Amino acid sequence: MKKANNIIQVYEHEFKKVGGAFKQKHLKAFSKLNALHDDCYFDLRYNGIKFKNYVGVIEVDGLTVEILPKIDSTNNDNPKLWRDVLMDMLKATKNLKVQKVGEANVSKQKIHLLEIYFEWYLTEVDLLVRQGLIKQYRRKTGNVKALKGKLEFAAHLQKNLIHKERFYSTHQVYDYDHQIHQILSYALDIIEHFSKGSYLYSKCKSIQLNFPEVSSSKIDADTFKKLKLDRKSQPYKTALEIARFIILHYAPNISSGDEKMLALLFDMNSLWEEYVLVKMKKEALKLEDTEVYGQSSKEFWQGITIRPDIVVKKKDQFYVIDTKWKNIQNFKPSTQDLRQMYVYNDYWESVQSMLLYPATKTIVPDFKNFKARDHQCAVGRLNIIENGKLNAEIGKEILEWYS
């Protein structure tokens, strides 16, 4: 059995130099993964790597690297705190349904994000097996002892010149070997490889024993785009969503040897935006005169659209919010960001626009007029850590700024 992985925890935008558990072969694998994704995940440096705004977990050749969010480079150096912040954001935005795997397991100190997704998937597949897997019709070409379907005449003459009792035909069969099960089986194989040495390995092998043998096939992003579920296969929806996430983040043979890599990474800017939007929408449901919209677009110029992160409608007035995952402390926002807010105000005829940043201390925005205009802009700094955990009341706090 494979030895348990080494686990390294780093923060976003941190530089990691080759040394210790992080070896040259890992750096090479990371660089190849980065190249496959247009260099969006990391910046390569001499003998090391500098992480960007992507957080999550990467596993390759016995090494697990957890990339954690962090807004302050000097304070709150607490990996458990920021790991919990990431988990809570993923739960709130439905990127991770922890209740499916059980809160007890999630609270384990040694469990990491990859194992949580694995257990969630295994739980879903195990439930499907217990409820009974579905069969589907598929076309099969081969030799049969009784003629059925369409006789493939040329192949029949070639293969059955001696065996006159056989018929080479294309016919329909009704069994478990269909595309949905091929996808689920492939994801199980990935989990088997990456869970060796962990508590999930035996659970995975047990499910594989109860899972029907299916054909192997090429599975990529197009496979999932073309996949259609009917009423009978609807119970597979959640398992297929997790399988899609696992398979599309799996990069076999990415390094020079036989190492395989699995990377589950999230853009922290997008995750922060989703979290703020979810919390604001939830709070707006309690109010009669307030609505919150996400990613509302308007045409800007010749088919080009502009789209603020969040639009708040309160009575008959509009307010625009753009979220930024970085701690600007005492620095002013960029000129480009301010120009963007000016345009948002103009196109949405909004009263106020705001650039919203995470912080370790809330500073209520002080709205100022754009010169010679009757609409305003401000910078909002919102404390995201409350009592040692992620602040769950940020939606309420933001909407109170507009009351």
Protein backbone atom coordinates (compact mmCIF):
# COMPACT_ATOMS: atom_id res chain seq x y z
CA MET A 1 0.00 0.00 0.00
CA LYS A 2 1.19 3.46 -0.88
CA LYS A 3 2.63 5.51 1.95
CA ALA A 4 0.47 8.38 3.22
CA ASN A 5 1.09 11.67 1.49
CA ASN A 6 3.20 14.53 2.77
CA ILE A 7 1.00 17.61 3.22
CA ILE A 8 2.31 21.14 2.69
CA GLN A 9 0.17 24.19 3.48
CA VAL A 10 0.88 27.48 1.70
CA TYR A 11 -1.01 30.74 1.21
CA GLU A 12 -2.10 32.41 -2.01
CA HIS A 13 0.59 34.70 -3.51
CA GLU A 14 3.24 32.89 -1.43
CA PHE A 15 6.56 31.79 -2.90
CA LYS A 16 7.49 28.13 -2.41
CA LYS A 17 11.10 27.13 -3.01
CA VAL A 18 12.18 23.59 -3.89
CA GLY A 19 13.30 21.82 -0.75
CA GLY A 20 12.14 19.26 1.80
CA ALA A 21 9.01 17.44 0.64
CA PHE A 22 8.65 19.80 -2.35
CA LYS A 23 11.09 18.35 -4.85
CA GLN A 24 12.25 19.26 -8.34
CA LYS A 25 9.94 16.66 -9.91
CA HIS A 26 6.96 18.32 -8.21
CA LEU A 27 8.01 21.73 -9.54
CA LYS A 28 8.22 20.23 -13.03
CA ALA A 29 4.74 18.71 -12.71
CA PHE A 30 3.33 22.03 -11.44
CA SER A 31 4.85 23.90 -14.36
CA LYS A 32 3.28 21.49 -16.86
CA LEU A 33 -0.11 21.81 -15.18
CA ASN A 34 0.24 25.58 -15.37
CA ALA A 35 1.09 25.43 -19.07
CA LEU A 36 -2.06 23.39 -19.74
CA HIS A 37 -4.14 26.21 -18.20
CA ASP A 38 -2.50 29.22 -19.87
CA ASP A 39 -0.24 29.93 -16.88
CA CYS A 40 -3.16 31.13 -14.75
CA TYR A 41 -2.38 29.18 -11.55
CA PHE A 42 1.24 30.08 -10.74
CA ASP A 43 4.20 32.24 -11.63
CA LEU A 44 7.34 30.18 -12.16
CA ARG A 45 10.49 31.46 -10.49
CA TYR A 46 14.05 30.20 -10.33
CA ASN A 47 13.98 26.94 -8.37
CA GLY A 48 10.47 27.62 -7.06
CA ILE A 49 6.93 28.71 -7.69
CA LYS A 50 4.83 31.74 -6.69
CA PHE A 51 1.15 31.04 -6.22
CA LYS A 52 -1.50 33.41 -7.54
CA ASN A 53 -5.10 33.95 -6.45
CA TYR A 54 -6.12 30.30 -6.88
CA VAL A 55 -6.74 28.28 -3.72
CA GLY A 56 -7.54 24.62 -3.12
CA VAL A 57 -5.49 21.44 -3.22
CA ILE A 58 -3.05 19.74 -5.59
CA GLU A 59 -1.82 16.17 -5.23
CA VAL A 60 1.02 14.66 -7.21
CA ASP A 61 3.41 11.77 -6.54
CA GLY A 62 2.93 11.46 -2.79
CA LEU A 63 2.73 15.19 -2.11
CA THR A 64 -0.41 17.15 -1.22
CA VAL A 65 -0.23 20.95 -1.40
CA GLU A 66 -3.05 22.90 0.21
CA ILE A 67 -3.24 26.50 -1.02
CA LEU A 68 -5.14 28.62 1.49
CA PRO A 69 -6.66 32.10 1.19
CA LYS A 70 -5.27 34.98 3.22
CA ILE A 71 -5.88 38.73 3.04
CA ASP A 72 -3.10 39.92 5.31
CA SER A 73 0.54 38.96 4.86
CA THR A 74 1.53 39.99 8.39
CA ASN A 75 -1.29 38.97 10.73
CA ASN A 76 -3.50 35.97 11.34
CA ASP A 77 -0.86 33.39 10.37
CA ASN A 78 -3.20 30.54 11.27
CA PRO A 79 -3.55 27.79 8.63
CA LYS A 80 -6.52 26.18 10.41
CA LEU A 81 -8.41 29.50 10.47
CA TRP A 82 -7.92 30.14 6.77
CA ARG A 83 -8.62 26.53 5.88
CA ASP A 84 -11.94 26.86 7.71
CA VAL A 85 -12.60 30.15 5.89
CA LEU A 86 -12.14 28.38 2.55
CA MET A 87 -14.37 25.47 3.62
CA ASP A 88 -17.12 27.81 4.82
CA MET A 89 -17.04 29.78 1.58
CA LEU A 90 -17.28 26.60 -0.47
CA LYS A 91 -20.19 25.39 1.64
CA ALA A 92 -22.06 28.70 1.41
CA THR A 93 -21.65 28.89 -2.37
CA LYS A 94 -22.69 25.23 -2.84
CA ASN A 95 -19.29 24.29 -4.27
CA LEU A 96 -19.07 21.83 -1.39
CA LYS A 97 -22.05 20.16 0.29
CA VAL A 98 -20.38 19.07 3.48
CA GLN A 99 -23.58 17.71 5.00
CA LYS A 100 -23.35 14.92 2.42
CA VAL A 101 -20.11 13.60 3.94
CA GLY A 102 -20.86 14.31 7.57
CA GLU A 103 -19.69 17.11 9.80
CA ALA A 104 -17.72 14.67 11.99
CA ASN A 105 -15.32 13.76 9.20
CA VAL A 106 -14.94 17.35 8.02
CA SER A 107 -13.82 18.41 11.47
CA LYS A 108 -10.85 16.03 11.39
CA GLN A 109 -7.59 17.91 11.50
CA LYS A 110 -5.86 15.67 8.95
CA ILE A 111 -8.59 15.58 6.31
CA HIS A 112 -7.98 17.92 3.38
CA LEU A 113 -10.18 19.34 0.65
CA LEU A 114 -9.42 16.55 -1.81
CA GLU A 115 -10.54 13.87 0.64
CA ILE A 116 -13.76 15.77 1.37
CA TYR A 117 -14.69 15.74 -2.32
CA PHE A 118 -13.69 12.08 -2.58
CA GLU A 119 -15.87 11.10 0.38
CA TRP A 120 -18.77 13.15 -0.94
CA TYR A 121 -18.50 11.31 -4.27
CA LEU A 122 -18.16 7.85 -2.69
CA THR A 123 -21.20 8.52 -0.52
CA GLU A 124 -23.27 9.48 -3.58
CA VAL A 125 -22.17 6.43 -5.62
CA ASP A 126 -22.71 4.07 -2.69
CA LEU A 127 -26.26 5.41 -2.36
CA LEU A 128 -26.90 4.79 -6.07
CA VAL A 129 -25.62 1.21 -5.79
CA ARG A 130 -27.84 0.53 -2.78
CA GLN A 131 -30.90 2.02 -4.50
CA GLY A 132 -30.22 0.01 -7.66
CA LEU A 133 -28.30 1.07 -10.75
CA ILE A 134 -30.15 1.64 -13.99
CA LYS A 135 -29.77 -0.22 -17.28
CA GLN A 136 -29.84 1.43 -20.70
CA TYR A 137 -29.99 0.29 -24.30
CA ARG A 138 -26.78 0.43 -26.32
CA ARG A 139 -25.57 -0.86 -29.68
CA LYS A 140 -23.14 -3.78 -29.64
CA THR A 141 -21.25 -5.28 -32.57
CA GLY A 142 -19.88 -8.83 -32.32
CA ASN A 143 -20.39 -12.52 -32.81
CA VAL A 144 -23.64 -14.11 -31.57
CA LYS A 145 -24.96 -17.67 -31.89
CA ALA A 146 -28.42 -16.59 -33.04
CA LEU A 147 -28.96 -13.92 -35.67
CA LYS A 148 -30.36 -10.72 -34.26
CA GLY A 149 -30.11 -7.12 -35.34
CA LYS A 150 -28.21 -6.17 -38.49
CA LEU A 151 -25.81 -8.68 -40.04
CA GLU A 152 -22.45 -7.04 -40.79
CA PHE A 153 -21.94 -9.03 -43.99
CA ALA A 154 -18.31 -8.21 -44.85
CA ALA A 155 -17.07 -8.71 -41.29
CA HIS A 156 -19.20 -11.86 -40.96
CA LEU A 157 -17.50 -13.46 -43.98
CA GLN A 158 -14.07 -12.45 -42.69
CA LYS A 159 -14.50 -13.67 -39.12
CA ASN A 160 -16.83 -16.66 -39.52
CA LEU A 161 -15.52 -18.44 -42.59
CA ILE A 162 -14.99 -21.57 -40.50
CA HIS A 163 -17.56 -21.05 -37.71
CA LYS A 164 -20.77 -21.29 -39.70
CA GLU A 165 -22.84 -21.36 -36.50
CA ARG A 166 -21.94 -17.72 -35.61
CA PHE A 167 -23.30 -14.42 -36.86
CA TYR A 168 -21.37 -11.14 -36.75
CA SER A 169 -24.06 -8.53 -36.21
CA THR A 170 -24.88 -5.16 -34.71
CA HIS A 171 -27.68 -5.39 -32.22
CA GLN A 172 -29.12 -3.72 -29.13
CA VAL A 173 -28.35 -4.88 -25.61
CA TYR A 174 -29.91 -3.73 -22.34
CA ASP A 175 -27.34 -3.68 -19.54
CA TYR A 176 -25.28 -1.57 -17.10
CA ASP A 177 -22.44 -0.84 -19.54
CA HIS A 178 -23.46 2.66 -20.66
CA GLN A 179 -21.86 6.11 -20.66
CA ILE A 180 -23.13 7.23 -17.24
CA HIS A 181 -21.59 4.21 -15.51
CA GLN A 182 -18.39 4.57 -17.55
CA ILE A 183 -18.02 8.13 -16.18
CA LEU A 184 -18.68 7.04 -12.59
CA SER A 185 -16.27 4.12 -12.92
CA TYR A 186 -13.51 6.37 -14.27
CA ALA A 187 -13.90 8.74 -11.31
CA LEU A 188 -13.73 5.75 -8.94
CA ASP A 189 -10.45 4.68 -10.55
CA ILE A 190 -9.02 8.17 -9.99
CA ILE A 191 -10.06 8.12 -6.33
CA GLU A 192 -8.58 4.64 -5.89
CA HIS A 193 -5.22 5.93 -7.10
CA PHE A 194 -5.16 9.08 -4.98
CA SER A 195 -6.66 7.61 -1.78
CA LYS A 196 -4.09 4.86 -1.24
CA GLY A 197 -2.86 5.03 2.31
CA SER A 198 -5.91 6.97 3.53
CA TYR A 199 -9.09 5.90 5.30
CA LEU A 200 -11.03 6.27 2.01
CA TYR A 201 -9.15 3.56 0.11
CA SER A 202 -11.06 0.60 1.58
CA LYS A 203 -14.39 2.37 1.07
CA CYS A 204 -13.51 3.01 -2.57
CA LYS A 205 -12.47 -0.62 -3.17
CA SER A 206 -15.68 -1.87 -1.54
CA ILE A 207 -17.81 0.28 -3.87
CA GLN A 208 -15.79 -0.85 -6.89
CA LEU A 209 -16.50 -4.50 -5.99
CA ASN A 210 -20.22 -3.79 -6.02
CA PHE A 211 -20.06 -1.65 -9.15
CA PRO A 212 -20.63 -3.42 -12.51
CA GLU A 213 -17.74 -3.92 -14.92
CA VAL A 214 -18.01 -1.40 -17.75
CA SER A 215 -16.04 -0.54 -20.85
CA SER A 216 -13.39 2.17 -20.73
CA SER A 217 -13.88 5.18 -22.99
CA LYS A 218 -12.45 8.65 -23.53
CA ILE A 219 -14.10 11.09 -21.13
CA ASP A 220 -13.49 14.84 -21.44
CA ALA A 221 -15.36 18.14 -21.22
CA ASP A 222 -17.33 17.39 -24.41
CA THR A 223 -18.58 14.13 -22.89
CA PHE A 224 -20.32 16.05 -20.11
CA LYS A 225 -21.65 18.73 -22.47
CA LYS A 226 -23.37 16.10 -24.61
CA LEU A 227 -24.65 14.03 -21.67
CA LYS A 228 -28.43 14.23 -21.25
CA LEU A 229 -30.30 12.95 -18.21
CA ASP A 230 -33.87 11.72 -18.37
CA ARG A 231 -36.35 11.04 -15.59
CA LYS A 232 -34.87 7.60 -14.97
CA SER A 233 -31.26 8.84 -14.67
CA GLN A 234 -32.05 12.03 -12.69
CA PRO A 235 -30.85 10.49 -9.36
CA TYR A 236 -27.34 10.38 -10.90
CA LYS A 237 -27.15 14.18 -11.25
CA THR A 238 -25.14 14.96 -8.09
CA ALA A 239 -22.71 12.07 -8.54
CA LEU A 240 -22.10 13.10 -12.16
CA GLU A 241 -21.47 16.72 -11.14
CA ILE A 242 -18.80 15.62 -8.66
CA ALA A 243 -17.37 13.12 -11.16
CA ARG A 244 -17.12 15.91 -13.72
CA PHE A 245 -15.26 18.08 -11.22
CA ILE A 246 -12.81 15.28 -10.37
CA ILE A 247 -12.23 14.03 -13.92
CA LEU A 248 -11.72 17.44 -15.53
CA HIS A 249 -9.19 18.39 -12.83
CA TYR A 250 -7.28 15.14 -13.29
CA ALA A 251 -4.09 15.31 -15.34
CA PRO A 252 -2.57 11.83 -15.93
CA ASN A 253 1.12 11.54 -16.77
CA ILE A 254 1.66 15.30 -16.53
CA SER A 255 5.27 14.94 -15.43
CA SER A 256 8.10 13.12 -17.13
CA GLY A 257 7.54 9.88 -15.25
CA ASP A 258 4.38 8.01 -14.29
CA GLU A 259 3.18 10.53 -11.69
CA LYS A 260 -0.47 11.53 -11.92
CA MET A 261 -1.82 14.85 -10.72
CA LEU A 262 -5.18 15.99 -9.41
CA ALA A 263 -5.77 19.71 -8.88
CA LEU A 264 -8.96 21.17 -7.39
CA LEU A 265 -8.43 24.92 -7.55
CA PHE A 266 -10.78 27.87 -7.10
CA ASP A 267 -10.35 31.48 -8.17
CA MET A 268 -10.50 33.39 -4.88
CA ASN A 269 -11.86 36.49 -6.60
CA SER A 270 -14.82 34.53 -7.94
CA LEU A 271 -15.34 32.69 -4.66
CA TRP A 272 -15.40 35.96 -2.68
CA GLU A 273 -17.90 37.43 -5.15
CA GLU A 274 -20.13 34.33 -4.90
CA TYR A 275 -19.99 34.35 -1.10
CA VAL A 276 -20.96 38.02 -0.82
CA LEU A 277 -23.76 37.56 -3.35
CA VAL A 278 -25.19 34.49 -1.58
CA LYS A 279 -25.18 36.21 1.80
CA MET A 280 -26.76 39.39 0.42
CA LYS A 281 -29.48 37.48 -1.43
CA LYS A 282 -30.31 35.53 1.70
CA GLU A 283 -30.61 38.74 3.74
CA ALA A 284 -32.63 40.51 1.02
CA LEU A 285 -35.33 37.83 1.27
CA LYS A 286 -36.13 39.18 4.74
CA LEU A 287 -36.75 42.68 3.38
CA GLU A 288 -39.80 43.78 1.41
CA ASP A 289 -38.24 46.58 -0.63
CA THR A 290 -34.83 45.09 -1.52
CA GLU A 291 -33.68 42.84 -4.37
CA VAL A 292 -30.16 41.62 -5.12
CA TYR A 293 -28.93 40.50 -8.55
CA GLY A 294 -25.66 38.93 -9.61
CA GLN A 295 -23.80 39.42 -12.90
CA SER A 296 -26.42 41.62 -14.60
CA SER A 297 -25.21 42.62 -18.08
CA LYS A 298 -25.84 45.57 -20.38
CA GLU A 299 -24.51 46.20 -23.87
CA PHE A 300 -21.66 48.68 -23.86
CA TRP A 301 -20.37 48.94 -27.42
CA GLN A 302 -20.98 46.82 -30.55
CA GLY A 303 -21.86 43.61 -28.74
CA ILE A 304 -19.42 44.19 -25.87
CA THR A 305 -21.19 44.09 -22.51
CA ILE A 306 -20.36 45.43 -19.07
CA ARG A 307 -21.31 43.50 -15.97
CA PRO A 308 -20.93 44.51 -12.34
CA ASP A 309 -20.62 41.77 -9.74
CA ILE A 310 -23.71 42.72 -7.71
CA VAL A 311 -26.64 45.07 -8.30
CA VAL A 312 -28.92 46.05 -5.41
CA LYS A 313 -32.39 47.44 -6.10
CA LYS A 314 -33.91 49.20 -3.09
CA LYS A 315 -37.35 50.62 -3.81
CA ASP A 316 -36.75 52.42 -7.13
CA GLN A 317 -33.04 53.09 -6.71
CA PHE A 318 -30.06 51.02 -7.84
CA TYR A 319 -26.72 50.43 -6.13
CA VAL A 320 -23.72 48.71 -7.69
CA ILE A 321 -21.07 46.63 -5.88
CA ASP A 322 -17.83 45.26 -7.32
CA THR A 323 -15.99 42.78 -5.08
CA LYS A 324 -12.18 42.63 -4.93
CA TRP A 325 -10.34 39.89 -3.03
CA LYS A 326 -7.34 41.81 -1.74
CA ASN A 327 -6.51 43.89 1.29
CA ILE A 328 -5.82 47.45 0.16
CA GLN A 329 -5.32 48.68 3.75
CA ASN A 330 -4.68 52.44 3.47
CA PHE A 331 -4.09 52.45 -0.25
CA LYS A 332 -6.49 54.03 -2.72
CA PRO A 333 -8.21 51.91 -5.37
CA SER A 334 -6.77 51.91 -8.86
CA THR A 335 -7.80 54.52 -11.39
CA GLN A 336 -9.10 51.74 -13.63
CA ASP A 337 -11.42 50.45 -10.89
CA LEU A 338 -12.80 53.93 -10.24
CA ARG A 339 -13.43 54.48 -13.96
CA GLN A 340 -15.25 51.18 -14.03
CA MET A 341 -17.51 52.24 -11.14
CA TYR A 342 -18.23 55.53 -12.90
CA VAL A 343 -19.42 53.67 -15.98
CA TYR A 344 -21.54 51.28 -13.87
CA ASN A 345 -23.28 54.22 -12.23
CA ASP A 346 -23.93 55.78 -15.62
CA TYR A 347 -25.32 52.66 -17.30
CA TRP A 348 -27.39 51.41 -14.36
CA GLU A 349 -28.41 54.92 -13.35
CA SER A 350 -27.32 53.91 -9.87
CA VAL A 351 -27.16 56.28 -6.94
CA GLN A 352 -24.02 54.76 -5.46
CA SER A 353 -21.32 52.30 -6.43
CA MET A 354 -18.89 50.57 -4.12
CA LEU A 355 -15.63 48.65 -4.34
CA LEU A 356 -15.86 46.00 -1.62
CA TYR A 357 -12.68 44.56 -0.10
CA PRO A 358 -12.12 41.99 2.67
CA ALA A 359 -10.39 43.29 5.78
CA THR A 360 -9.57 42.47 9.38
CA LYS A 361 -11.61 45.46 10.54
CA THR A 362 -14.83 46.88 9.07
CA ILE A 363 -14.68 50.46 7.79
CA VAL A 364 -18.10 51.83 6.80
CA PRO A 365 -17.89 53.30 3.27
CA ASP A 366 -17.81 57.08 2.95
CA PHE A 367 -19.55 57.83 -0.34
CA LYS A 368 -18.20 60.77 -2.34
CA ASN A 369 -19.62 62.35 -5.49
CA PHE A 370 -17.88 61.95 -8.80
CA LYS A 371 -16.95 65.47 -9.84
CA ALA A 372 -19.80 67.30 -11.62
CA ARG A 373 -22.03 64.24 -11.25
CA ASP A 374 -24.89 63.42 -8.88
CA HIS A 375 -23.83 59.82 -8.29
CA GLN A 376 -21.28 58.57 -5.77
CA CYS A 377 -18.59 55.97 -5.16
CA ALA A 378 -16.92 54.58 -2.05
CA VAL A 379 -14.52 51.93 -0.84
CA GLY A 380 -15.98 49.41 1.61
CA ARG A 381 -13.76 47.33 3.89
CA LEU A 382 -15.54 44.42 5.53
CA ASN A 383 -14.26 42.34 8.42
CA ILE A 384 -14.51 38.72 7.30
CA ILE A 385 -13.26 37.10 10.52
CA GLU A 386 -15.61 37.22 13.50
CA ASN A 387 -14.91 35.32 16.73
CA GLY A 388 -12.25 33.19 15.08
CA LYS A 389 -14.32 32.13 12.06
CA LEU A 390 -15.75 33.42 8.79
CA ASN A 391 -18.25 36.23 9.31
CA ALA A 392 -21.65 34.84 8.27
CA GLU A 393 -23.44 38.20 8.74
CA ILE A 394 -21.74 40.15 5.98
CA GLY A 395 -24.93 40.28 3.86
CA LYS A 396 -26.78 42.00 6.69
CA GLU A 397 -23.91 44.43 7.33
CA ILE A 398 -23.66 45.48 3.69
CA LEU A 399 -27.39 46.08 3.25
CA GLU A 400 -27.45 48.10 6.46
CA TRP A 401 -25.03 50.53 4.80
CA TYR A 402 -27.86 51.39 2.37
CA SER A 403 -30.62 51.73 4.95
